[in-house]
All heavy atoms as atom14 arrays in JSON, in Angstrom:
{
  "sequence": "CRLVAVDGSAYASAYGLGPLAAKLCAHSQLDDAQMKDLLGDDALTT",
  "atom14_mask": [
    [1, 1, 1, 1, 1, 1, 0, 0, 0, 0, 0, 0, 0, 0],
    [1, 1, 1, 1, 1, 1, 1, 1, 1, 1, 1, 0, 0, 0],
    [1, 1, 1, 1, 1, 1, 1, 1, 0, 0, 0, 0, 0, 0],
    [1, 1, 1, 1, 1, 1, 1, 0, 0, 0, 0, 0, 0, 0],
    [1, 1, 1, 1, 1, 0, 0, 0, 0, 0, 0, 0, 0, 0],
    [1, 1, 1, 1, 1, 1, 1, 0, 0, 0, 0, 0, 0, 0],
    [1, 1, 1, 1, 1, 1, 1, 1, 0, 0, 0, 0, 0, 0],
    [1, 1, 1, 1, 0, 0, 0, 0, 0, 0, 0, 0, 0, 0],
    [1, 1, 1, 1, 1, 1, 0, 0, 0, 0, 0, 0, 0, 0],
    [1, 1, 1, 1, 1, 0, 0, 0, 0, 0, 0, 0, 0, 0],
    [1, 1, 1, 1, 1, 1, 1, 1, 1, 1, 1, 1, 0, 0],
    [1, 1, 1, 1, 1, 0, 0, 0, 0, 0, 0, 0, 0, 0],
    [1, 1, 1, 1, 1, 1, 0, 0, 0, 0, 0, 0, 0, 0],
    [1, 1, 1, 1, 1, 0, 0, 0, 0, 0, 0, 0, 0, 0],
    [1, 1, 1, 1, 1, 1, 1, 1, 1, 1, 1, 1, 0, 0],
    [1, 1, 1, 1, 0, 0, 0, 0, 0, 0, 0, 0, 0, 0],
    [1, 1, 1, 1, 1, 1, 1, 1, 0, 0, 0, 0, 0, 0],
    [1, 1, 1, 1, 0, 0, 0, 0, 0, 0, 0, 0, 0, 0],
    [1, 1, 1, 1, 1, 1, 1, 0, 0, 0, 0, 0, 0, 0],
    [1, 1, 1, 1, 1, 1, 1, 1, 0, 0, 0, 0, 0, 0],
    [1, 1, 1, 1, 1, 0, 0, 0, 0, 0, 0, 0, 0, 0],
    [1, 1, 1, 1, 1, 0, 0, 0, 0, 0, 0, 0, 0, 0],
    [1, 1, 1, 1, 1, 1, 1, 1, 1, 0, 0, 0, 0, 0],
    [1, 1, 1, 1, 1, 1, 1, 1, 0, 0, 0, 0, 0, 0],
    [1, 1, 1, 1, 1, 1, 0, 0, 0, 0, 0, 0, 0, 0],
    [1, 1, 1, 1, 1, 0, 0, 0, 0, 0, 0, 0, 0, 0],
    [1, 1, 1, 1, 1, 1, 1, 1, 1, 1, 0, 0, 0, 0],
    [1, 1, 1, 1, 1, 1, 0, 0, 0, 0, 0, 0, 0, 0],
    [1, 1, 1, 1, 1, 1, 1, 1, 1, 0, 0, 0, 0, 0],
    [1, 1, 1, 1, 1, 1, 1, 1, 0, 0, 0, 0, 0, 0],
    [1, 1, 1, 1, 1, 1, 1, 1, 0, 0, 0, 0, 0, 0],
    [1, 1, 1, 1, 1, 1, 1, 1, 0, 0, 0, 0, 0, 0],
    [1, 1, 1, 1, 1, 0, 0, 0, 0, 0, 0, 0, 0, 0],
    [1, 1, 1, 1, 1, 1, 1, 1, 1, 0, 0, 0, 0, 0],
    [1, 1, 1, 1, 1, 1, 1, 1, 0, 0, 0, 0, 0, 0],
    [1, 1, 1, 1, 1, 1, 1, 1, 1, 0, 0, 0, 0, 0],
    [1, 1, 1, 1, 1, 1, 1, 1, 0, 0, 0, 0, 0, 0],
    [1, 1, 1, 1, 1, 1, 1, 1, 0, 0, 0, 0, 0, 0],
    [1, 1, 1, 1, 1, 1, 1, 1, 0, 0, 0, 0, 0, 0],
    [1, 1, 1, 1, 0, 0, 0, 0, 0, 0, 0, 0, 0, 0],
    [1, 1, 1, 1, 1, 1, 1, 1, 0, 0, 0, 0, 0, 0],
    [1, 1, 1, 1, 1, 1, 1, 1, 0, 0, 0, 0, 0, 0],
    [1, 1, 1, 1, 1, 0, 0, 0, 0, 0, 0, 0, 0, 0],
    [1, 1, 1, 1, 1, 1, 1, 1, 0, 0, 0, 0, 0, 0],
    [1, 1, 1, 1, 1, 1, 1, 0, 0, 0, 0, 0, 0, 0],
    [1, 1, 1, 1, 1, 1, 1, 0, 0, 0, 0, 0, 0, 0]
  ],
  "atom14_positions": [
    [[209.19, 299.37, 69.71], [208.6, 299.48, 71.07], [207.19, 300.13, 71.0], [206.81, 300.91, 70.11], [209.51, 300.49, 71.87], [211.04, 299.64, 72.47], [0.0, 0.0, 0.0], [0.0, 0.0, 0.0], [0.0, 0.0, 0.0], [0.0, 0.0, 0.0], [0.0, 0.0, 0.0], [0.0, 0.0, 0.0], [0.0, 0.0, 0.0], [0.0, 0.0, 0.0]],
    [[206.45, 299.82, 72.08], [205.1, 300.35, 72.27], [205.11, 300.99, 73.62], [205.36, 300.33, 74.61], [204.1, 299.23, 72.09], [202.66, 299.69, 72.53], [201.68, 298.51, 72.21], [202.21, 297.29, 72.84], [201.93, 296.11, 72.32], [201.33, 295.88, 71.14], [202.39, 294.96, 73.0], [0.0, 0.0, 0.0], [0.0, 0.0, 0.0], [0.0, 0.0, 0.0]],
    [[204.73, 302.28, 73.72], [204.63, 302.97, 74.98], [203.31, 302.57, 75.71], [202.3, 302.56, 75.09], [204.74, 304.5, 74.85], [205.97, 304.98, 74.12], [205.88, 306.55, 74.09], [207.2, 304.52, 74.8], [0.0, 0.0, 0.0], [0.0, 0.0, 0.0], [0.0, 0.0, 0.0], [0.0, 0.0, 0.0], [0.0, 0.0, 0.0], [0.0, 0.0, 0.0]],
    [[203.46, 302.26, 76.98], [202.3, 301.85, 77.74], [202.22, 302.68, 79.04], [203.23, 302.76, 79.72], [202.29, 300.31, 78.04], [202.09, 299.55, 76.78], [203.47, 299.93, 78.74], [0.0, 0.0, 0.0], [0.0, 0.0, 0.0], [0.0, 0.0, 0.0], [0.0, 0.0, 0.0], [0.0, 0.0, 0.0], [0.0, 0.0, 0.0], [0.0, 0.0, 0.0]],
    [[201.1, 303.18, 79.32], [200.89, 303.9, 80.58], [200.22, 302.91, 81.57], [199.29, 302.21, 81.26], [199.92, 305.08, 80.35], [0.0, 0.0, 0.0], [0.0, 0.0, 0.0], [0.0, 0.0, 0.0], [0.0, 0.0, 0.0], [0.0, 0.0, 0.0], [0.0, 0.0, 0.0], [0.0, 0.0, 0.0], [0.0, 0.0, 0.0], [0.0, 0.0, 0.0]],
    [[200.8, 302.85, 82.7], [200.4, 301.86, 83.75], [200.14, 302.53, 85.1], [200.9, 303.34, 85.52], [201.54, 300.77, 83.95], [201.16, 299.74, 84.97], [201.85, 300.07, 82.59], [0.0, 0.0, 0.0], [0.0, 0.0, 0.0], [0.0, 0.0, 0.0], [0.0, 0.0, 0.0], [0.0, 0.0, 0.0], [0.0, 0.0, 0.0], [0.0, 0.0, 0.0]],
    [[199.01, 302.13, 85.72], [198.7, 302.62, 87.04], [199.15, 301.54, 88.02], [198.53, 300.47, 88.13], [197.15, 302.86, 87.13], [196.73, 303.37, 88.5], [197.67, 303.58, 89.32], [195.52, 303.55, 88.68], [0.0, 0.0, 0.0], [0.0, 0.0, 0.0], [0.0, 0.0, 0.0], [0.0, 0.0, 0.0], [0.0, 0.0, 0.0], [0.0, 0.0, 0.0]],
    [[200.15, 301.87, 88.77], [200.72, 300.9, 89.72], [200.26, 301.1, 91.14], [200.72, 300.47, 92.07], [0.0, 0.0, 0.0], [0.0, 0.0, 0.0], [0.0, 0.0, 0.0], [0.0, 0.0, 0.0], [0.0, 0.0, 0.0], [0.0, 0.0, 0.0], [0.0, 0.0, 0.0], [0.0, 0.0, 0.0], [0.0, 0.0, 0.0], [0.0, 0.0, 0.0]],
    [[199.29, 302.0, 91.29], [198.85, 302.41, 92.7], [198.4, 301.26, 93.52], [198.64, 301.16, 94.75], [197.86, 303.57, 92.63], [196.73, 303.15, 91.89], [0.0, 0.0, 0.0], [0.0, 0.0, 0.0], [0.0, 0.0, 0.0], [0.0, 0.0, 0.0], [0.0, 0.0, 0.0], [0.0, 0.0, 0.0], [0.0, 0.0, 0.0], [0.0, 0.0, 0.0]],
    [[197.62, 300.39, 92.87], [197.07, 299.21, 93.68], [198.14, 298.3, 94.19], [198.11, 297.82, 95.37], [196.1, 298.45, 92.77], [0.0, 0.0, 0.0], [0.0, 0.0, 0.0], [0.0, 0.0, 0.0], [0.0, 0.0, 0.0], [0.0, 0.0, 0.0], [0.0, 0.0, 0.0], [0.0, 0.0, 0.0], [0.0, 0.0, 0.0], [0.0, 0.0, 0.0]],
    [[199.19, 298.08, 93.35], [200.29, 297.25, 93.77], [201.13, 297.96, 94.79], [201.62, 297.33, 95.77], [201.16, 296.84, 92.6], [200.48, 295.74, 91.74], [199.53, 296.07, 90.8], [200.82, 294.41, 91.87], [198.96, 295.06, 90.0], [200.24, 293.43, 91.14], [199.31, 293.72, 90.16], [198.72, 292.78, 89.41], [0.0, 0.0, 0.0], [0.0, 0.0, 0.0]],
    [[201.32, 299.27, 94.62], [202.12, 300.01, 95.62], [201.44, 299.99, 96.97], [202.16, 299.81, 97.99], [202.22, 301.46, 95.1], [0.0, 0.0, 0.0], [0.0, 0.0, 0.0], [0.0, 0.0, 0.0], [0.0, 0.0, 0.0], [0.0, 0.0, 0.0], [0.0, 0.0, 0.0], [0.0, 0.0, 0.0], [0.0, 0.0, 0.0], [0.0, 0.0, 0.0]],
    [[200.12, 300.06, 96.97], [199.41, 300.08, 98.28], [199.33, 298.66, 98.89], [199.63, 298.5, 100.06], [197.96, 300.61, 98.04], [197.19, 300.44, 99.21], [0.0, 0.0, 0.0], [0.0, 0.0, 0.0], [0.0, 0.0, 0.0], [0.0, 0.0, 0.0], [0.0, 0.0, 0.0], [0.0, 0.0, 0.0], [0.0, 0.0, 0.0], [0.0, 0.0, 0.0]],
    [[199.09, 297.66, 98.04], [198.93, 296.27, 98.6], [200.24, 295.67, 99.02], [200.31, 294.88, 100.04], [198.23, 295.41, 97.58], [0.0, 0.0, 0.0], [0.0, 0.0, 0.0], [0.0, 0.0, 0.0], [0.0, 0.0, 0.0], [0.0, 0.0, 0.0], [0.0, 0.0, 0.0], [0.0, 0.0, 0.0], [0.0, 0.0, 0.0], [0.0, 0.0, 0.0]],
    [[201.35, 295.98, 98.37], [202.59, 295.3, 98.61], [203.72, 296.23, 99.06], [204.92, 295.75, 99.16], [203.05, 294.46, 97.39], [201.93, 293.5, 96.93], [201.16, 293.8, 95.77], [201.75, 292.38, 97.63], [200.17, 292.93, 95.4], [200.72, 291.5, 97.27], [199.91, 291.77, 96.11], [198.93, 290.92, 95.78], [0.0, 0.0, 0.0], [0.0, 0.0, 0.0]],
    [[203.42, 297.53, 99.23], [204.42, 298.45, 99.69], [205.56, 298.63, 98.7], [206.75, 298.77, 99.1], [0.0, 0.0, 0.0], [0.0, 0.0, 0.0], [0.0, 0.0, 0.0], [0.0, 0.0, 0.0], [0.0, 0.0, 0.0], [0.0, 0.0, 0.0], [0.0, 0.0, 0.0], [0.0, 0.0, 0.0], [0.0, 0.0, 0.0], [0.0, 0.0, 0.0]],
    [[205.22, 298.7, 97.46], [206.21, 298.88, 96.4], [206.42, 300.32, 96.0], [205.45, 301.05, 96.05], [205.83, 298.05, 95.15], [205.75, 296.46, 95.35], [205.19, 295.82, 94.06], [207.04, 295.93, 95.72], [0.0, 0.0, 0.0], [0.0, 0.0, 0.0], [0.0, 0.0, 0.0], [0.0, 0.0, 0.0], [0.0, 0.0, 0.0], [0.0, 0.0, 0.0]],
    [[207.63, 300.58, 95.56], [207.9, 301.87, 95.0], [207.29, 302.0, 93.57], [206.79, 300.99, 93.04], [0.0, 0.0, 0.0], [0.0, 0.0, 0.0], [0.0, 0.0, 0.0], [0.0, 0.0, 0.0], [0.0, 0.0, 0.0], [0.0, 0.0, 0.0], [0.0, 0.0, 0.0], [0.0, 0.0, 0.0], [0.0, 0.0, 0.0], [0.0, 0.0, 0.0]],
    [[207.45, 303.13, 92.86], [206.74, 303.43, 91.6], [207.25, 302.56, 90.49], [206.44, 302.05, 89.71], [207.1, 304.86, 91.35], [208.23, 305.23, 92.17], [208.1, 304.37, 93.39], [0.0, 0.0, 0.0], [0.0, 0.0, 0.0], [0.0, 0.0, 0.0], [0.0, 0.0, 0.0], [0.0, 0.0, 0.0], [0.0, 0.0, 0.0], [0.0, 0.0, 0.0]],
    [[208.49, 302.22, 90.4], [209.03, 301.36, 89.3], [208.5, 300.03, 89.49], [207.98, 299.32, 88.55], [210.49, 301.49, 89.27], [211.21, 302.82, 88.99], [212.73, 302.65, 89.08], [210.78, 303.39, 87.69], [0.0, 0.0, 0.0], [0.0, 0.0, 0.0], [0.0, 0.0, 0.0], [0.0, 0.0, 0.0], [0.0, 0.0, 0.0], [0.0, 0.0, 0.0]],
    [[208.73, 299.39, 90.66], [208.33, 298.03, 90.92], [206.81, 297.88, 90.79], [206.32, 296.85, 90.19], [208.84, 297.6, 92.28], [0.0, 0.0, 0.0], [0.0, 0.0, 0.0], [0.0, 0.0, 0.0], [0.0, 0.0, 0.0], [0.0, 0.0, 0.0], [0.0, 0.0, 0.0], [0.0, 0.0, 0.0], [0.0, 0.0, 0.0], [0.0, 0.0, 0.0]],
    [[206.06, 298.82, 91.33], [204.57, 298.72, 91.28], [204.07, 298.75, 89.84], [203.18, 297.93, 89.45], [203.95, 299.84, 92.06], [0.0, 0.0, 0.0], [0.0, 0.0, 0.0], [0.0, 0.0, 0.0], [0.0, 0.0, 0.0], [0.0, 0.0, 0.0], [0.0, 0.0, 0.0], [0.0, 0.0, 0.0], [0.0, 0.0, 0.0], [0.0, 0.0, 0.0]],
    [[204.62, 299.64, 89.02], [204.19, 299.75, 87.58], [204.57, 298.45, 86.86], [203.87, 297.99, 85.96], [204.78, 300.92, 86.95], [204.09, 302.24, 87.32], [204.61, 303.48, 86.52], [203.81, 304.7, 86.9], [204.19, 305.85, 86.06], [0.0, 0.0, 0.0], [0.0, 0.0, 0.0], [0.0, 0.0, 0.0], [0.0, 0.0, 0.0], [0.0, 0.0, 0.0]],
    [[205.73, 297.94, 87.13], [206.23, 296.72, 86.48], [205.32, 295.54, 86.84], [204.9, 294.79, 85.92], [207.64, 296.38, 86.9], [208.37, 295.21, 86.32], [208.26, 295.23, 84.81], [209.76, 295.1, 86.79], [0.0, 0.0, 0.0], [0.0, 0.0, 0.0], [0.0, 0.0, 0.0], [0.0, 0.0, 0.0], [0.0, 0.0, 0.0], [0.0, 0.0, 0.0]],
    [[204.99, 295.38, 88.05], [204.06, 294.28, 88.47], [202.7, 294.52, 87.88], [202.0, 293.51, 87.46], [204.05, 294.18, 89.9], [205.64, 293.64, 90.68], [0.0, 0.0, 0.0], [0.0, 0.0, 0.0], [0.0, 0.0, 0.0], [0.0, 0.0, 0.0], [0.0, 0.0, 0.0], [0.0, 0.0, 0.0], [0.0, 0.0, 0.0], [0.0, 0.0, 0.0]],
    [[202.18, 295.67, 87.92], [200.88, 295.97, 87.37], [200.81, 295.65, 85.87], [199.86, 295.13, 85.35], [200.48, 297.41, 87.58], [0.0, 0.0, 0.0], [0.0, 0.0, 0.0], [0.0, 0.0, 0.0], [0.0, 0.0, 0.0], [0.0, 0.0, 0.0], [0.0, 0.0, 0.0], [0.0, 0.0, 0.0], [0.0, 0.0, 0.0], [0.0, 0.0, 0.0]],
    [[201.92, 296.07, 85.16], [201.98, 295.76, 83.73], [201.93, 294.28, 83.4], [201.28, 293.84, 82.41], [203.2, 296.44, 83.09], [203.4, 296.13, 81.63], [204.3, 295.18, 81.18], [202.72, 296.58, 80.52], [204.24, 295.16, 79.89], [203.29, 295.95, 79.49], [0.0, 0.0, 0.0], [0.0, 0.0, 0.0], [0.0, 0.0, 0.0], [0.0, 0.0, 0.0]],
    [[202.57, 293.52, 84.25], [202.6, 292.07, 84.06], [201.35, 291.37, 84.6], [201.25, 290.17, 84.42], [203.87, 291.47, 84.77], [205.05, 292.08, 84.22], [0.0, 0.0, 0.0], [0.0, 0.0, 0.0], [0.0, 0.0, 0.0], [0.0, 0.0, 0.0], [0.0, 0.0, 0.0], [0.0, 0.0, 0.0], [0.0, 0.0, 0.0], [0.0, 0.0, 0.0]],
    [[200.45, 292.14, 85.29], [199.21, 291.58, 85.84], [199.47, 290.42, 86.72], [198.83, 289.37, 86.57], [198.27, 291.3, 84.72], [197.89, 292.49, 83.9], [196.89, 292.21, 82.72], [196.85, 291.05, 82.17], [196.04, 293.11, 82.43], [0.0, 0.0, 0.0], [0.0, 0.0, 0.0], [0.0, 0.0, 0.0], [0.0, 0.0, 0.0], [0.0, 0.0, 0.0]],
    [[200.42, 290.52, 87.58], [200.75, 289.4, 88.49], [199.65, 289.26, 89.58], [199.09, 290.28, 90.07], [202.1, 289.61, 89.15], [203.27, 289.8, 88.19], [204.54, 290.0, 89.07], [203.44, 288.62, 87.33], [0.0, 0.0, 0.0], [0.0, 0.0, 0.0], [0.0, 0.0, 0.0], [0.0, 0.0, 0.0], [0.0, 0.0, 0.0], [0.0, 0.0, 0.0]],
    [[199.37, 288.05, 89.82], [198.27, 287.81, 90.87], [198.91, 287.71, 92.27], [200.12, 287.86, 92.44], [197.49, 286.51, 90.55], [198.32, 285.28, 90.55], [199.37, 285.16, 91.26], [197.97, 284.3, 89.82], [0.0, 0.0, 0.0], [0.0, 0.0, 0.0], [0.0, 0.0, 0.0], [0.0, 0.0, 0.0], [0.0, 0.0, 0.0], [0.0, 0.0, 0.0]],
    [[198.1, 287.59, 93.24], [198.51, 287.72, 94.63], [199.51, 286.58, 94.98], [200.54, 286.84, 95.66], [197.4, 287.62, 95.58], [197.75, 287.8, 97.04], [198.28, 288.87, 97.38], [197.59, 286.84, 97.87], [0.0, 0.0, 0.0], [0.0, 0.0, 0.0], [0.0, 0.0, 0.0], [0.0, 0.0, 0.0], [0.0, 0.0, 0.0], [0.0, 0.0, 0.0]],
    [[199.31, 285.36, 94.44], [200.18, 284.27, 94.74], [201.55, 284.53, 94.11], [202.64, 284.28, 94.7], [199.63, 282.94, 94.13], [0.0, 0.0, 0.0], [0.0, 0.0, 0.0], [0.0, 0.0, 0.0], [0.0, 0.0, 0.0], [0.0, 0.0, 0.0], [0.0, 0.0, 0.0], [0.0, 0.0, 0.0], [0.0, 0.0, 0.0], [0.0, 0.0, 0.0]],
    [[201.59, 285.06, 92.9], [202.84, 285.39, 92.2], [203.61, 286.46, 92.97], [204.83, 286.5, 93.15], [202.63, 285.84, 90.77], [202.2, 284.67, 89.9], [201.83, 285.17, 88.5], [201.1, 286.14, 88.42], [202.32, 284.47, 87.49], [0.0, 0.0, 0.0], [0.0, 0.0, 0.0], [0.0, 0.0, 0.0], [0.0, 0.0, 0.0], [0.0, 0.0, 0.0]],
    [[202.85, 287.54, 93.48], [203.42, 288.61, 94.19], [204.08, 288.07, 95.52], [205.17, 288.46, 95.89], [202.42, 289.69, 94.52], [202.01, 290.44, 93.32], [203.37, 291.23, 92.41], [204.07, 292.26, 93.71], [0.0, 0.0, 0.0], [0.0, 0.0, 0.0], [0.0, 0.0, 0.0], [0.0, 0.0, 0.0], [0.0, 0.0, 0.0], [0.0, 0.0, 0.0]],
    [[203.39, 287.21, 96.21], [204.0, 286.66, 97.44], [205.2, 285.81, 97.13], [206.15, 285.75, 97.93], [202.91, 285.82, 98.19], [201.8, 286.67, 98.78], [200.7, 285.79, 99.43], [199.64, 286.77, 99.98], [198.55, 285.99, 100.64], [0.0, 0.0, 0.0], [0.0, 0.0, 0.0], [0.0, 0.0, 0.0], [0.0, 0.0, 0.0], [0.0, 0.0, 0.0]],
    [[205.15, 285.09, 95.99], [206.28, 284.3, 95.6], [207.5, 285.29, 95.27], [208.64, 284.99, 95.69], [205.99, 283.51, 94.36], [206.91, 282.37, 94.08], [207.78, 282.12, 94.95], [206.84, 281.66, 93.08], [0.0, 0.0, 0.0], [0.0, 0.0, 0.0], [0.0, 0.0, 0.0], [0.0, 0.0, 0.0], [0.0, 0.0, 0.0], [0.0, 0.0, 0.0]],
    [[207.23, 286.35, 94.59], [208.29, 287.28, 94.22], [208.9, 287.96, 95.46], [210.14, 288.13, 95.53], [207.67, 288.41, 93.31], [207.6, 288.11, 91.83], [206.96, 289.38, 91.15], [208.95, 287.83, 91.23], [0.0, 0.0, 0.0], [0.0, 0.0, 0.0], [0.0, 0.0, 0.0], [0.0, 0.0, 0.0], [0.0, 0.0, 0.0], [0.0, 0.0, 0.0]],
    [[208.1, 288.31, 96.41], [208.55, 289.11, 97.49], [208.91, 288.31, 98.74], [209.35, 288.79, 99.77], [207.51, 290.12, 97.95], [207.13, 291.16, 96.82], [205.97, 292.01, 97.28], [208.36, 292.06, 96.47], [0.0, 0.0, 0.0], [0.0, 0.0, 0.0], [0.0, 0.0, 0.0], [0.0, 0.0, 0.0], [0.0, 0.0, 0.0], [0.0, 0.0, 0.0]],
    [[208.81, 286.99, 98.59], [209.17, 286.08, 99.72], [210.58, 286.01, 99.9], [211.44, 286.46, 99.11], [0.0, 0.0, 0.0], [0.0, 0.0, 0.0], [0.0, 0.0, 0.0], [0.0, 0.0, 0.0], [0.0, 0.0, 0.0], [0.0, 0.0, 0.0], [0.0, 0.0, 0.0], [0.0, 0.0, 0.0], [0.0, 0.0, 0.0], [0.0, 0.0, 0.0]],
    [[211.01, 285.32, 101.05], [212.47, 285.2, 101.28], [213.02, 283.97, 100.53], [212.32, 283.37, 99.68], [212.73, 285.03, 102.76], [212.06, 283.79, 103.37], [211.84, 282.78, 102.63], [211.68, 283.74, 104.56], [0.0, 0.0, 0.0], [0.0, 0.0, 0.0], [0.0, 0.0, 0.0], [0.0, 0.0, 0.0], [0.0, 0.0, 0.0], [0.0, 0.0, 0.0]],
    [[214.31, 283.76, 100.66], [214.97, 282.66, 99.96], [215.17, 281.43, 100.78], [216.01, 280.58, 100.48], [216.29, 283.12, 99.35], [217.33, 283.55, 100.43], [216.95, 283.57, 101.64], [218.48, 283.87, 100.09], [0.0, 0.0, 0.0], [0.0, 0.0, 0.0], [0.0, 0.0, 0.0], [0.0, 0.0, 0.0], [0.0, 0.0, 0.0], [0.0, 0.0, 0.0]],
    [[214.37, 281.22, 101.85], [214.49, 280.05, 102.66], [214.02, 278.83, 101.84], [212.85, 278.79, 101.4], [213.59, 280.17, 103.93], [0.0, 0.0, 0.0], [0.0, 0.0, 0.0], [0.0, 0.0, 0.0], [0.0, 0.0, 0.0], [0.0, 0.0, 0.0], [0.0, 0.0, 0.0], [0.0, 0.0, 0.0], [0.0, 0.0, 0.0], [0.0, 0.0, 0.0]],
    [[214.91, 277.86, 101.74], [214.63, 276.66, 100.94], [213.58, 275.77, 101.62], [213.59, 275.72, 102.84], [215.88, 275.86, 100.57], [216.91, 276.67, 99.76], [218.01, 275.71, 99.43], [216.3, 277.29, 98.53], [0.0, 0.0, 0.0], [0.0, 0.0, 0.0], [0.0, 0.0, 0.0], [0.0, 0.0, 0.0], [0.0, 0.0, 0.0], [0.0, 0.0, 0.0]],
    [[212.81, 275.05, 100.86], [211.98, 274.0, 101.44], [212.52, 272.64, 100.88], [213.4, 272.62, 100.09], [210.51, 274.2, 101.06], [210.37, 274.17, 99.63], [210.02, 275.55, 101.48], [0.0, 0.0, 0.0], [0.0, 0.0, 0.0], [0.0, 0.0, 0.0], [0.0, 0.0, 0.0], [0.0, 0.0, 0.0], [0.0, 0.0, 0.0], [0.0, 0.0, 0.0]],
    [[211.85, 271.6, 101.29], [212.32, 270.27, 100.96], [211.12, 269.42, 100.51], [210.15, 269.3, 101.27], [213.05, 269.52, 102.11], [214.1, 270.39, 102.49], [213.61, 268.18, 101.63], [0.0, 0.0, 0.0], [0.0, 0.0, 0.0], [0.0, 0.0, 0.0], [0.0, 0.0, 0.0], [0.0, 0.0, 0.0], [0.0, 0.0, 0.0], [0.0, 0.0, 0.0]]
  ]
}
C-alpha cells in the first residue's frame, strides 16, 4: 500500500459530498461529466 493525502474540498463544495466521498472522487480525478453520471438517478433511457 501507498498512503496518499487527498484534498477533497473542491469536490465537497461542487457536488455537496461528505469527506469520504469527496476525497475518493478527488483521488480518482473524476471530471464533471463523470461526477454527473455517478450522482445521477437510475432512470433508464432508450
